PDB file of N, CA and C in Angstrom:
ATOM      1  N   UNK A   1      91.970 110.003  99.045  1.00  0.00           N
ATOM      2  CA  UNK A   1      92.553 110.312 100.329  1.00  0.00           C
ATOM      3  C   UNK A   1      93.971 109.764 100.363  1.00  0.00           C
ATOM      4  N   UNK A   2      94.873 110.516 100.962  1.00  0.00           N
ATOM      5  CA  UNK A   2      96.260 110.119 101.129  1.00  0.00           C
ATOM      6  C   UNK A   2      96.508 109.996 102.623  1.00  0.00           C
ATOM      7  N   UNK A   3      97.252 108.990 103.055  1.00  0.00           N
ATOM      8  CA  UNK A   3      97.539 108.778 104.472  1.00  0.00           C
ATOM      9  C   UNK A   3      97.266 107.334 104.829  1.00  0.00           C
ATOM     10  N   UNK A   4      97.096 107.042 106.124  1.00  0.00           N
ATOM     11  CA  UNK A   4      96.866 105.662 106.546  1.00  0.00           C
ATOM     12  C   UNK A   4      95.646 105.018 105.885  1.00  0.00           C
ATOM     13  N   UNK A   5      94.688 105.811 105.471  1.00  0.00           N
ATOM     14  CA  UNK A   5      93.482 105.299 104.834  1.00  0.00           C
ATOM     15  C   UNK A   5      93.478 105.601 103.337  1.00  0.00           C
ATOM     16  N   UNK A   6      94.665 105.625 102.727  1.00  0.00           N
ATOM     17  CA  UNK A   6      94.806 105.959 101.308  1.00  0.00           C
ATOM     18  C   UNK A   6      93.864 105.129 100.457  1.00  0.00           C
ATOM     19  N   UNK A   7      93.282 105.777  99.477  1.00  0.00           N
ATOM     20  CA  UNK A   7      92.387 105.090  98.556  1.00  0.00           C
ATOM     21  C   UNK A   7      90.930 105.143  98.971  1.00  0.00           C
ATOM     22  N   UNK A   8      90.660 105.563 100.200  1.00  0.00           N
ATOM     23  CA  UNK A   8      89.285 105.675 100.659  1.00  0.00           C
ATOM     24  C   UNK A   8      88.616 106.829  99.926  1.00  0.00           C
ATOM     25  N   UNK A   9      87.415 106.611  99.464  1.00  0.00           N
ATOM     26  CA  UNK A   9      86.662 107.707  98.847  1.00  0.00           C
ATOM     27  C   UNK A   9      85.237 107.664  99.364  1.00  0.00           C
ATOM     28  N   UNK A  10      84.587 108.809  99.323  1.00  0.00           N
ATOM     29  CA  UNK A  10      83.211 108.891  99.787  1.00  0.00           C
ATOM     30  C   UNK A  10      82.494 109.995  99.030  1.00  0.00           C
ATOM     31  N   UNK A  11      81.207 109.806  98.872  1.00  0.00           N
ATOM     32  CA  UNK A  11      80.372 110.786  98.178  1.00  0.00           C
ATOM     33  C   UNK A  11      79.907 111.858  99.152  1.00  0.00           C
ATOM     34  N   UNK A  12      79.915 113.094  98.701  1.00  0.00           N
ATOM     35  CA  UNK A  12      79.385 114.191  99.491  1.00  0.00           C
ATOM     36  C   UNK A  12      77.979 114.499  98.988  1.00  0.00           C
ATOM     37  N   UNK A  13      76.997 114.141  99.775  1.00  0.00           N
ATOM     38  CA  UNK A  13      75.609 114.415  99.415  1.00  0.00           C
ATOM     39  C   UNK A  13      75.173 115.735 100.007  1.00  0.00           C
ATOM     40  N   UNK A  14      73.896 115.833 100.302  1.00  0.00           N
ATOM     41  CA  UNK A  14      73.347 117.064 100.861  1.00  0.00           C
ATOM     42  C   UNK A  14      73.423 117.122 102.382  1.00  0.00           C
ATOM     43  N   UNK A  15      73.734 116.004 103.021  1.00  0.00           N
ATOM     44  CA  UNK A  15      73.844 115.955 104.475  1.00  0.00           C
ATOM     45  C   UNK A  15      75.297 116.213 104.889  1.00  0.00           C
ATOM     46  N   UNK A  16      75.514 116.798 106.069  1.00  0.00           N
ATOM     47  CA  UNK A  16      76.889 116.968 106.557  1.00  0.00           C
ATOM     48  C   UNK A  16      77.576 115.609 106.682  1.00  0.00           C
ATOM     49  N   UNK A  17      78.874 115.586 106.376  1.00  0.00           N
ATOM     50  CA  UNK A  17      79.680 114.376 106.500  1.00  0.00           C
ATOM     51  C   UNK A  17      80.658 114.608 107.652  1.00  0.00           C
ATOM     52  N   UNK A  18      80.555 113.748 108.672  1.00  0.00           N
ATOM     53  CA  UNK A  18      81.426 113.848 109.835  1.00  0.00           C
ATOM     54  C   UNK A  18      82.586 112.875 109.678  1.00  0.00           C
ATOM     55  N   UNK A  19      83.807 113.362 109.971  1.00  0.00           N
ATOM     56  CA  UNK A  19      85.029 112.590 109.762  1.00  0.00           C
ATOM     57  C   UNK A  19      85.828 112.547 111.062  1.00  0.00           C
ATOM     58  N   UNK A  20      86.309 111.356 111.408  1.00  0.00           N
ATOM     59  CA  UNK A  20      87.123 111.188 112.605  1.00  0.00           C
ATOM     60  C   UNK A  20      87.397 109.724 112.865  1.00  0.00           C
ATOM     61  N   UNK A  21      88.024 109.423 113.999  1.00  0.00           N
ATOM     62  CA  UNK A  21      88.360 108.034 114.341  1.00  0.00           C
ATOM     63  C   UNK A  21      87.189 107.261 114.938  1.00  0.00           C
ATOM     64  N   UNK A  22      86.211 107.942 115.495  1.00  0.00           N
ATOM     65  CA  UNK A  22      85.084 107.266 116.135  1.00  0.00           C
ATOM     66  C   UNK A  22      84.232 106.528 115.101  1.00  0.00           C
ATOM     67  N   UNK A  23      83.760 105.326 115.458  1.00  0.00           N
ATOM     68  CA  UNK A  23      82.881 104.593 114.535  1.00  0.00           C
ATOM     69  C   UNK A  23      81.543 105.303 114.302  1.00  0.00           C
ATOM     70  N   UNK A  24      81.237 106.302 115.097  1.00  0.00           N
ATOM     71  CA  UNK A  24      79.977 107.045 114.938  1.00  0.00           C
ATOM     72  C   UNK A  24      80.043 108.030 113.768  1.00  0.00           C
ATOM     73  N   UNK A  25      81.236 108.262 113.209  1.00  0.00           N
ATOM     74  CA  UNK A  25      81.386 109.200 112.090  1.00  0.00           C
ATOM     75  C   UNK A  25      80.907 108.583 110.785  1.00  0.00           C
ATOM     76  N   UNK A  26      80.540 109.439 109.840  1.00  0.00           N
ATOM     77  CA  UNK A  26      80.190 108.973 108.495  1.00  0.00           C
ATOM     78  C   UNK A  26      81.411 108.386 107.805  1.00  0.00           C
ATOM     79  N   UNK A  27      82.580 109.010 108.018  1.00  0.00           N
ATOM     80  CA  UNK A  27      83.845 108.523 107.470  1.00  0.00           C
ATOM     81  C   UNK A  27      84.775 108.289 108.647  1.00  0.00           C
ATOM     82  N   UNK A  28      85.112 107.031 108.883  1.00  0.00           N
ATOM     83  CA  UNK A  28      85.986 106.676 109.996  1.00  0.00           C
ATOM     84  C   UNK A  28      87.402 106.462 109.475  1.00  0.00           C
ATOM     85  N   UNK A  29      88.365 107.171 110.091  1.00  0.00           N
ATOM     86  CA  UNK A  29      89.764 107.054 109.717  1.00  0.00           C
ATOM     87  C   UNK A  29      90.541 106.322 110.813  1.00  0.00           C
ATOM     88  N   UNK A  30      91.619 105.666 110.429  1.00  0.00           N
ATOM     89  CA  UNK A  30      92.453 104.960 111.396  1.00  0.00           C
ATOM     90  C   UNK A  30      93.685 105.762 111.792  1.00  0.00           C
ATOM     91  N   UNK A  31      93.887 106.914 111.207  1.00  0.00           N
ATOM     92  CA  UNK A  31      95.022 107.797 111.483  1.00  0.00           C
ATOM     93  C   UNK A  31      95.007 108.182 112.969  1.00  0.00           C
ATOM     94  N   UNK A  32      96.038 107.790 113.712  1.00  0.00           N
ATOM     95  CA  UNK A  32      96.075 108.043 115.150  1.00  0.00           C
ATOM     96  C   UNK A  32      96.197 109.526 115.502  1.00  0.00           C
ATOM     97  N   UNK A  33      96.535 110.379 114.526  1.00  0.00           N
ATOM     98  CA  UNK A  33      96.641 111.813 114.773  1.00  0.00           C
ATOM     99  C   UNK A  33      95.329 112.552 114.471  1.00  0.00           C
ATOM    100  N   UNK A  34      94.317 111.821 114.051  1.00  0.00           N
ATOM    101  CA  UNK A  34      92.986 112.376 113.803  1.00  0.00           C
ATOM    102  C   UNK A  34      92.174 112.200 115.082  1.00  0.00           C
ATOM    103  N   UNK A  35      91.448 113.238 115.470  1.00  0.00           N
ATOM    104  CA  UNK A  35      90.603 113.161 116.661  1.00  0.00           C
ATOM    105  C   UNK A  35      89.403 112.259 116.415  1.00  0.00           C
ATOM    106  N   UNK A  36      88.786 111.831 117.504  1.00  0.00           N
ATOM    107  CA  UNK A  36      87.602 110.970 117.376  1.00  0.00           C
ATOM    108  C   UNK A  36      86.514 111.656 116.552  1.00  0.00           C
ATOM    109  N   UNK A  37      86.294 112.929 116.805  1.00  0.00           N
ATOM    110  CA  UNK A  37      85.345 113.742 116.036  1.00  0.00           C
ATOM    111  C   UNK A  37      86.125 114.958 115.551  1.00  0.00           C
ATOM    112  N   UNK A  38      86.646 114.881 114.347  1.00  0.00           N
ATOM    113  CA  UNK A  38      87.647 115.849 113.896  1.00  0.00           C
ATOM    114  C   UNK A  38      87.081 116.965 113.018  1.00  0.00           C
ATOM    115  N   UNK A  39      86.268 116.610 112.048  1.00  0.00           N
ATOM    116  CA  UNK A  39      85.936 117.546 110.968  1.00  0.00           C
ATOM    117  C   UNK A  39      84.562 117.234 110.404  1.00  0.00           C
ATOM    118  N   UNK A  40      83.907 118.256 109.901  1.00  0.00           N
ATOM    119  CA  UNK A  40      82.688 118.041 109.122  1.00  0.00           C
ATOM    120  C   UNK A  40      82.824 118.774 107.792  1.00  0.00           C
ATOM    121  N   UNK A  41      82.268 118.172 106.746  1.00  0.00           N
ATOM    122  CA  UNK A  41      82.203 118.799 105.420  1.00  0.00           C
ATOM    123  C   UNK A  41      80.739 118.916 105.056  1.00  0.00           C
ATOM    124  N   UNK A  42      80.338 120.100 104.625  1.00  0.00           N
ATOM    125  CA  UNK A  42      78.941 120.343 104.249  1.00  0.00           C
ATOM    126  C   UNK A  42      78.866 120.812 102.797  1.00  0.00           C
ATOM    127  N   UNK A  43      77.859 120.316 102.107  1.00  0.00           N
ATOM    128  CA  UNK A  43      77.548 120.734 100.746  1.00  0.00           C
ATOM    129  C   UNK A  43      76.368 121.689 100.837  1.00  0.00           C
ATOM    130  N   UNK A  44      76.578 122.924 100.433  1.00  0.00           N
ATOM    131  CA  UNK A  44      75.511 123.927 100.430  1.00  0.00           C
ATOM    132  C   UNK A  44      75.399 124.481  99.018  1.00  0.00           C
ATOM    133  N   UNK A  45      74.374 124.002  98.295  1.00  0.00           N
ATOM    134  CA  UNK A  45      74.154 124.462  96.921  1.00  0.00           C
ATOM    135  C   UNK A  45      75.400 124.281  96.054  1.00  0.00           C
ATOM    136  N   UNK A  46      75.993 123.105  96.120  1.00  0.00           N
ATOM    137  CA  UNK A  46      77.187 122.739  95.346  1.00  0.00           C
ATOM    138  C   UNK A  46      78.430 123.540  95.725  1.00  0.00           C
ATOM    139  N   UNK A  47      78.420 124.158  96.890  1.00  0.00           N
ATOM    140  CA  UNK A  47      79.609 124.795  97.468  1.00  0.00           C
ATOM    141  C   UNK A  47      79.942 124.004  98.724  1.00  0.00           C
ATOM    142  N   UNK A  48      81.234 123.782  98.981  1.00  0.00           N
ATOM    143  CA  UNK A  48      81.651 122.930 100.082  1.00  0.00           C
ATOM    144  C   UNK A  48      82.302 123.730 101.203  1.00  0.00           C
ATOM    145  N   UNK A  49      81.938 123.376 102.430  1.00  0.00           N
ATOM    146  CA  UNK A  49      82.422 124.062 103.615  1.00  0.00           C
ATOM    147  C   UNK A  49      82.958 123.032 104.606  1.00  0.00           C
ATOM    148  N   UNK A  50      84.076 123.356 105.256  1.00  0.00           N
ATOM    149  CA  UNK A  50      84.640 122.480 106.284  1.00  0.00           C
ATOM    150  C   UNK A  50      84.630 123.224 107.613  1.00  0.00           C
ATOM    151  N   UNK A  51      84.536 122.432 108.679  1.00  0.00           N
ATOM    152  CA  UNK A  51      84.586 122.986 110.029  1.00  0.00           C
ATOM    153  C   UNK A  51      85.369 122.027 110.917  1.00  0.00           C
ATOM    154  N   UNK A  52      86.396 122.532 111.555  1.00  0.00           N
ATOM    155  CA  UNK A  52      87.150 121.753 112.527  1.00  0.00           C
ATOM    156  C   UNK A  52      86.299 121.663 113.794  1.00  0.00           C
ATOM    157  N   UNK A  53      86.140 120.458 114.320  1.00  0.00           N
ATOM    158  CA  UNK A  53      85.286 120.228 115.482  1.00  0.00           C
ATOM    159  C   UNK A  53      86.106 120.239 116.778  1.00  0.00           C
ATOM    160  N   UNK A  54      86.964 121.242 116.923  1.00  0.00           N
ATOM    161  CA  UNK A  54      87.810 121.417 118.101  1.00  0.00           C
ATOM    162  C   UNK A  54      88.735 120.212 118.278  1.00  0.00           C
ATOM    163  N   UNK A  55      89.326 119.780 117.162  1.00  0.00           N
ATOM    164  CA  UNK A  55      90.233 118.640 117.177  1.00  0.00           C
ATOM    165  C   UNK A  55      91.525 118.990 117.917  1.00  0.00           C
ATOM    166  N   UNK A  56      92.208 117.964 118.385  1.00  0.00           N
ATOM    167  CA  UNK A  56      93.455 118.165 119.131  1.00  0.00           C
ATOM    168  C   UNK A  56      94.580 118.689 118.240  1.00  0.00           C
ATOM    169  N   UNK A  57      94.722 118.142 117.025  1.00  0.00           N
ATOM    170  CA  UNK A  57      95.825 118.501 116.144  1.00  0.00           C
ATOM    171  C   UNK A  57      95.461 119.486 115.045  1.00  0.00           C
ATOM    172  N   UNK A  58      94.220 119.916 115.007  1.00  0.00           N
ATOM    173  CA  UNK A  58      93.808 120.933 114.054  1.00  0.00           C
ATOM    174  C   UNK A  58      93.524 120.419 112.655  1.00  0.00           C
ATOM    175  N   UNK A  59      93.009 121.324 111.846  1.00  0.00           N
ATOM    176  CA  UNK A  59      92.689 121.067 110.447  1.00  0.00           C
ATOM    177  C   UNK A  59      93.358 122.151 109.621  1.00  0.00           C
ATOM    178  N   UNK A  60      93.973 121.728 108.520  1.00  0.00           N
ATOM    179  CA  UNK A  60      94.679 122.657 107.634  1.00  0.00           C
ATOM    180  C   UNK A  60      94.038 122.616 106.257  1.00  0.00           C
ATOM    181  N   UNK A  61      93.723 123.780 105.740  1.00  0.00           N
ATOM    182  CA  UNK A  61      93.158 123.896 104.395  1.00  0.00           C
ATOM    183  C   UNK A  61      94.124 124.723 103.565  1.00  0.00           C
ATOM    184  N   UNK A  62      94.592 124.097 102.478  1.00  0.00           N
ATOM    185  CA  UNK A  62      95.544 124.770 101.595  1.00  0.00           C
ATOM    186  C   UNK A  62      96.773 125.250 102.365  1.00  0.00           C
ATOM    187  N   UNK A  63      97.195 124.459 103.374  1.00  0.00           N
ATOM    188  CA  UNK A  63      98.400 124.757 104.136  1.00  0.00           C
ATOM    189  C   UNK A  63      98.224 125.702 105.305  1.00  0.00           C
ATOM    190  N   UNK A  64      97.008 126.170 105.559  1.00  0.00           N
ATOM    191  CA  UNK A  64      96.760 127.128 106.638  1.00  0.00           C
ATOM    192  C   UNK A  64      95.809 126.504 107.655  1.00  0.00           C
ATOM    193  N   UNK A  65      96.181 126.590 108.947  1.00  0.00           N
ATOM    194  CA  UNK A  65      95.310 126.034 109.980  1.00  0.00           C
ATOM    195  C   UNK A  65      94.059 126.885 110.111  1.00  0.00           C
ATOM    196  N   UNK A  66      92.907 126.219 110.128  1.00  0.00           N
ATOM    197  CA  UNK A  66      91.649 126.942 110.246  1.00  0.00           C
ATOM    198  C   UNK A  66      91.225 127.016 111.715  1.00  0.00           C
ATOM    199  N   UNK A  67      90.422 128.009 112.030  1.00  0.00           N
ATOM    200  CA  UNK A  67      89.917 128.185 113.387  1.00  0.00           C
ATOM    201  C   UNK A  67      88.852 127.135 113.676  1.00  0.00           C
ATOM    202  N   UNK A  68      88.928 126.472 114.827  1.00  0.00           N
ATOM    203  CA  UNK A  68      87.889 125.496 115.183  1.00  0.00           C
ATOM    204  C   UNK A  68      86.525 126.171 115.322  1.00  0.00           C
ATOM    205  N   UNK A  69      85.489 125.430 114.953  1.00  0.00           N
ATOM    206  CA  UNK A  69      84.128 125.912 115.131  1.00  0.00           C
ATOM    207  C   UNK A  69      83.651 126.906 114.094  1.00  0.00           C
ATOM    208  N   UNK A  70      84.476 127.221 113.102  1.00  0.00           N
ATOM    209  CA  UNK A  70      84.097 128.196 112.070  1.00  0.00           C
ATOM    210  C   UNK A  70      84.132 127.503 110.709  1.00  0.00           C
ATOM    211  N   UNK A  71      83.028 127.566 109.983  1.00  0.00           N
ATOM    212  CA  UNK A  71      82.984 126.985 108.645  1.00  0.00           C
ATOM    213  C   UNK A  71      83.743 127.860 107.662  1.00  0.00           C
ATOM    214  N   UNK A  72      84.544 127.220 106.813  1.00  0.00           N
ATOM    215  CA  UNK A  72      85.182 127.969 105.733  1.00  0.00           C
ATOM    216  C   UNK A  72      84.915 127.237 104.422  1.00  0.00           C
ATOM    217  N   UNK A  73      84.797 128.000 103.361  1.00  0.00           N
ATOM    218  CA  UNK A  73      84.531 127.408 102.057  1.00  0.00           C
ATOM    219  C   UNK A  73      85.820 126.841 101.465  1.00  0.00           C
ATOM    220  N   UNK A  74      85.702 125.670 100.847  1.00  0.00           N
ATOM    221  CA  UNK A  74      86.823 125.039 100.162  1.00  0.00           C
ATOM    222  C   UNK A  74      86.392 124.682  98.754  1.00  0.00           C
ATOM    223  N   UNK A  75      87.374 124.540  97.879  1.00  0.00           N
ATOM    224  CA  UNK A  75      87.057 124.072  96.535  1.00  0.00           C
ATOM    225  C   UNK A  75      87.928 122.882  96.203  1.00  0.00           C
ATOM    226  N   UNK A  76      87.807 122.396  95.008  1.00  0.00           N
ATOM    227  CA  UNK A  76      88.493 121.178  94.598  1.00  0.00           C
ATOM    228  C   UNK A  76      90.008 121.273  94.683  1.00  0.00           C
ATOM    229  N   UNK A  77      90.571 122.455  94.600  1.00  0.00           N
ATOM    230  CA  UNK A  77      92.020 122.591  94.600  1.00  0.00           C
ATOM    231  C   UNK A  77      92.601 122.832  95.990  1.00  0.00           C
ATOM    232  N   UNK A  78      91.783 122.803  97.040  1.00  0.00           N
ATOM    233  CA  UNK A  78      92.254 123.016  98.402  1.00  0.00           C
ATOM    234  C   UNK A  78      92.394 121.686  99.132  1.00  0.00           C
ATOM    235  N   UNK A  79      93.621 121.173  99.298  1.00  0.00           N
ATOM    236  CA  UNK A  79      93.779 119.952 100.082  1.00  0.00           C
ATOM    237  C   UNK A  79      93.458 120.228 101.548  1.00  0.00           C
ATOM    238  N   UNK A  80      92.813 119.266 102.190  1.00  0.00           N
ATOM    239  CA  UNK A  80      92.431 119.362 103.594  1.00  0.00           C
ATOM    240  C   UNK A  80      93.284 118.346 104.353  1.00  0.00           C
ATOM    241  N   UNK A  81      94.074 118.821 105.313  1.00  0.00           N
ATOM    242  CA  UNK A  81      94.962 117.941 106.060  1.00  0.00           C
ATOM    243  C   UNK A  81      94.463 117.820 107.487  1.00  0.00           C
ATOM    244  N   UNK A  82      94.245 116.567 107.906  1.00  0.00           N
ATOM    245  CA  UNK A  82      93.922 116.272 109.297  1.00  0.00           C
ATOM    246  C   UNK A  82      94.840 115.136 109.738  1.00  0.00           C
ATOM    247  N   UNK A  83      95.529 115.339 110.835  1.00  0.00           N
ATOM    248  CA  UNK A  83      96.511 114.342 111.266  1.00  0.00           C
ATOM    249  C   UNK A  83      97.557 114.163 110.178  1.00  0.00           C
ATOM    250  N   UNK A  84      97.785 112.899 109.804  1.00  0.00           N
ATOM    251  CA  UNK A  84      98.730 112.580 108.731  1.00  0.00           C
ATOM    252  C   UNK A  84      97.984 112.217 107.449  1.00  0.00           C
ATOM    253  N   UNK A  85      96.739 112.649 107.342  1.00  0.00           N
ATOM    254  CA  UNK A  85      95.896 112.316 106.195  1.00  0.00           C
ATOM    255  C   UNK A  85      95.538 113.565 105.407  1.00  0.00           C
ATOM    256  N   UNK A  86      95.438 113.394 104.109  1.00  0.00           N
ATOM    257  CA  UNK A  86      95.051 114.485 103.224  1.00  0.00           C
ATOM    258  C   UNK A  86      93.741 114.100 102.555  1.00  0.00           C
ATOM    259  N   UNK A  87      92.757 114.980 102.674  1.00  0.00           N
ATOM    260  CA  UNK A  87      91.461 114.774 102.033  1.00  0.00           C
ATOM    261  C   UNK A  87      91.425 115.664 100.800  1.00  0.00           C
ATOM    262  N   UNK A  88      91.062 115.075  99.680  1.00  0.00           N
ATOM    263  CA  UNK A  88      91.005 115.798  98.414  1.00  0.00           C
ATOM    264  C   UNK A  88      89.564 115.819  97.932  1.00  0.00           C
ATOM    265  N   UNK A  89      89.097 116.987  97.549  1.00  0.00           N
ATOM    266  CA  UNK A  89      87.764 117.105  96.961  1.00  0.00           C
ATOM    267  C   UNK A  89      87.913 117.013  95.456  1.00  0.00           C
ATOM    268  N   UNK A  90      87.594 115.874  94.904  1.00  0.00           N
ATOM    269  CA  UNK A  90      87.673 115.690  93.458  1.00  0.00           C
ATOM    270  C   UNK A  90      88.983 115.101  92.991  1.00  0.00           C
ATOM    271  N   UNK A  91      88.959 114.538  91.815  1.00  0.00           N
ATOM    272  CA  UNK A  91      90.118 113.853  91.232  1.00  0.00           C
ATOM    273  C   UNK A  91      91.275 114.808  90.941  1.00  0.00           C
ATOM    274  N   UNK A  92      90.993 116.028  90.501  1.00  0.00           N
ATOM    275  CA  UNK A  92      92.068 116.970  90.180  1.00  0.00           C
ATOM    276  C   UNK A  92      92.897 117.306  91.410  1.00  0.00           C
ATOM    277  N   UNK A  93      92.243 117.497  92.538  1.00  0.00           N
ATOM    278  CA  UNK A  93      92.955 117.788  93.781  1.00  0.00           C
ATOM    279  C   UNK A  93      93.838 116.619  94.172  1.00  0.00           C
ATOM    280  N   UNK A  94      93.322 115.392  94.048  1.00  0.00           N
ATOM    281  CA  UNK A  94      94.096 114.208  94.400  1.00  0.00           C
ATOM    282  C   UNK A  94      95.363 114.128  93.552  1.00  0.00           C
ATOM    283  N   UNK A  95      95.255 114.403  92.254  1.00  0.00           N
ATOM    284  CA  UNK A  95      96.427 114.347  91.375  1.00  0.00           C
ATOM    285  C   UNK A  95      97.473 115.378  91.785  1.00  0.00           C
ATOM    286  N   UNK A  96      97.040 116.592  92.126  1.00  0.00           N
ATOM    287  CA  UNK A  96      97.971 117.631  92.557  1.00  0.00           C
ATOM    288  C   UNK A  96      98.658 117.254  93.865  1.00  0.00           C
ATOM    289  N   UNK A  97      97.880 116.764  94.823  1.00  0.00           N
ATOM    290  CA  UNK A  97      98.441 116.400  96.123  1.00  0.00           C
ATOM    291  C   UNK A  97      99.394 115.227  95.985  1.00  0.00           C
ATOM    292  N   UNK A  98      99.028 114.220  95.226  1.00  0.00           N
ATOM    293  CA  UNK A  98      99.892 113.040  95.032  1.00  0.00           C
ATOM    294  C   UNK A  98     101.213 113.470  94.396  1.00  0.00           C
ATOM    295  N   UNK A  99     101.169 114.352  93.404  1.00  0.00           N
ATOM    296  CA  UNK A  99     102.391 114.835  92.770  1.00  0.00           C
ATOM    297  C   UNK A  99     103.282 115.569  93.752  1.00  0.00           C
ATOM    298  N   UNK A 100     102.684 116.402  94.610  1.00  0.00           N
ATOM    299  CA  UNK A 100     103.459 117.132  95.610  1.00  0.00           C
ATOM    300  C   UNK A 100     104.087 116.171  96.612  1.00  0.00           C
ATOM    301  N   UNK A 101     103.309 115.237  97.151  1.00  0.00           N
ATOM    302  CA  UNK A 101     103.827 114.304  98.145  1.00  0.00           C
ATOM    303  C   UNK A 101     104.962 113.459  97.583  1.00  0.00           C
ATOM    304  N   UNK A 102     104.852 113.089  96.335  1.00  0.00           N
ATOM    305  CA  UNK A 102     105.909 112.291  95.723  1.00  0.00           C
ATOM    306  C   UNK A 102     107.179 113.105  95.471  1.00  0.00           C
ATOM    307  N   UNK A 103     107.086 114.440  95.486  1.00  0.00           N
ATOM    308  CA  UNK A 103     108.248 115.281  95.237  1.00  0.00           C
ATOM    309  C   UNK A 103     108.998 115.651  96.510  1.00  0.00           C
ATOM    310  N   UNK A 104     108.420 115.408  97.675  1.00  0.00           N
ATOM    311  CA  UNK A 104     109.034 115.776  98.946  1.00  0.00           C
ATOM    312  C   UNK A 104     109.996 114.673  99.377  1.00  0.00           C
ATOM    313  N   UNK A 105     111.211 115.063  99.741  1.00  0.00           N
ATOM    314  CA  UNK A 105     112.169 114.063 100.209  1.00  0.00           C
ATOM    315  C   UNK A 105     111.928 113.770 101.684  1.00  0.00           C
ATOM    316  N   UNK A 106     112.419 112.646 102.150  1.00  0.00           N
ATOM    317  CA  UNK A 106     112.229 112.276 103.555  1.00  0.00           C
ATOM    318  C   UNK A 106     112.947 113.252 104.486  1.00  0.00           C
ATOM    319  N   UNK A 107     114.052 113.865 104.047  1.00  0.00           N
ATOM    320  CA  UNK A 107     114.753 114.849 104.859  1.00  0.00           C
ATOM    321  C   UNK A 107     113.875 116.082 105.040  1.00  0.00           C
ATOM    322  N   UNK A 108     113.258 116.569 103.945  1.00  0.00           N
ATOM    323  CA  UNK A 108     112.363 117.724 104.044  1.00  0.00           C
ATOM    324  C   UNK A 108     111.177 117.396 104.935  1.00  0.00           C
ATOM    325  N   UNK A 109     110.618 116.214 104.792  1.00  0.00           N
ATOM    326  CA  UNK A 109     109.472 115.819 105.598  1.00  0.00           C
ATOM    327  C   UNK A 109     109.860 115.726 107.062  1.00  0.00           C
ATOM    328  N   UNK A 110     111.028 115.180 107.357  1.00  0.00           N
ATOM    329  CA  UNK A 110     111.495 115.072 108.736  1.00  0.00           C
ATOM    330  C   UNK A 110     111.673 116.456 109.349  1.00  0.00           C
ATOM    331  N   UNK A 111     112.237 117.377 108.587  1.00  0.00           N
ATOM    332  CA  UNK A 111     112.420 118.743 109.076  1.00  0.00           C
ATOM    333  C   UNK A 111     111.070 119.395 109.334  1.00  0.00           C
ATOM    334  N   UNK A 112     110.097 119.152 108.468  1.00  0.00           N
ATOM    335  CA  UNK A 112     108.757 119.719 108.635  1.00  0.00           C
ATOM    336  C   UNK A 112     108.081 119.162 109.876  1.00  0.00           C
ATOM    337  N   UNK A 113     108.453 117.937 110.258  1.00  0.00           N
ATOM    338  CA  UNK A 113     107.867 117.306 111.440  1.00  0.00           C
ATOM    339  C   UNK A 113     108.684 117.588 112.697  1.00  0.00           C
ATOM    340  N   UNK A 114     109.643 118.487 112.632  1.00  0.00           N
ATOM    341  CA  UNK A 114     110.438 118.839 113.780  1.00  0.00           C
ATOM    342  C   UNK A 114     111.719 118.045 113.905  1.00  0.00           C
ATOM    343  N   UNK A 115     112.024 117.226 112.898  1.00  0.00           N
ATOM    344  CA  UNK A 115     113.254 116.463 112.904  1.00  0.00           C
ATOM    345  C   UNK A 115     113.236 115.248 113.815  1.00  0.00           C
ATOM    346  N   UNK A 116     112.137 115.015 114.532  1.00  0.00           N
ATOM    347  CA  UNK A 116     112.082 113.917 115.485  1.00  0.00           C
ATOM    348  C   UNK A 116     111.352 112.694 114.944  1.00  0.00           C
ATOM    349  N   UNK A 117     110.629 112.856 113.891  1.00  0.00           N
ATOM    350  CA  UNK A 117     109.831 111.770 113.342  1.00  0.00           C
ATOM    351  C   UNK A 117     110.261 111.481 111.916  1.00  0.00           C
ATOM    352  N   UNK A 118     109.846 110.352 111.419  1.00  0.00           N
ATOM    353  CA  UNK A 118     110.089 110.044 110.020  1.00  0.00           C
ATOM    354  C   UNK A 118     108.756 109.892 109.312  1.00  0.00           C
ATOM    355  N   UNK A 119     108.768 110.103 108.040  1.00  0.00           N
ATOM    356  CA  UNK A 119     107.568 110.006 107.226  1.00  0.00           C
ATOM    357  C   UNK A 119     107.900 109.177 106.005  1.00  0.00           C
ATOM    358  N   UNK A 120     107.207 108.078 105.834  1.00  0.00           N
ATOM    359  CA  UNK A 120     107.395 107.256 104.649  1.00  0.00           C
ATOM    360  C   UNK A 120     106.376 107.672 103.618  1.00  0.00           C
ATOM    361  N   UNK A 121     106.841 108.081 102.447  1.00  0.00           N
ATOM    362  CA  UNK A 121     105.954 108.515 101.390  1.00  0.00           C
ATOM    363  C   UNK A 121     105.582 107.319 100.522  1.00  0.00           C
ATOM    364  N   UNK A 122     104.341 107.296 100.030  1.00  0.00           N
ATOM    365  CA  UNK A 122     103.930 106.171  99.203  1.00  0.00           C
ATOM    366  C   UNK A 122     104.672 106.136  97.885  1.00  0.00           C
ATOM    367  N   UNK A 123     104.861 104.941  97.367  1.00  0.00           N
ATOM    368  CA  UNK A 123     105.467 104.758  96.061  1.00  0.00           C
ATOM    369  C   UNK A 123     104.490 105.264  95.020  1.00  0.00           C
ATOM    370  N   UNK A 124     104.940 106.029  94.073  1.00  0.00           N
ATOM    371  CA  UNK A 124     104.051 106.595  93.050  1.00  0.00           C
ATOM    372  C   UNK A 124     103.655 105.589  91.988  1.00  0.00           C
ATOM    373  N   UNK A 125     104.220 104.394  92.022  1.00  0.00           N
ATOM    374  CA  UNK A 125     103.892 103.411  90.993  1.00  0.00           C
ATOM    375  C   UNK A 125     102.626 102.664  91.301  1.00  0.00           C
TER     376      UNK A 125
END
């Protein structure tokens, strides 16, 4: 995971995994832009599905905002963005996302955020 909770990892079993800021979630994040009950990930016969739980700031899969309340299939190469956090399914996805984040300049990131905010990118070392 990349973001305020960088380095956090969790196993996806056969039960749905609920993600958000609330302590009632299976995975609790501290990212203030993540809703209390933001997202669920489900494993169905080794295929993974995400569903936005009507979060305030939305969920983005592979750069596209998904519709709340509708499950969509994701694979290891689809980064999942909620708030200022990126969820990666598998090590290969994490490597791709980390490489991309390290290549973005703060000016590009500021422009992407509307020019009003700043984004500090993690050191790649």
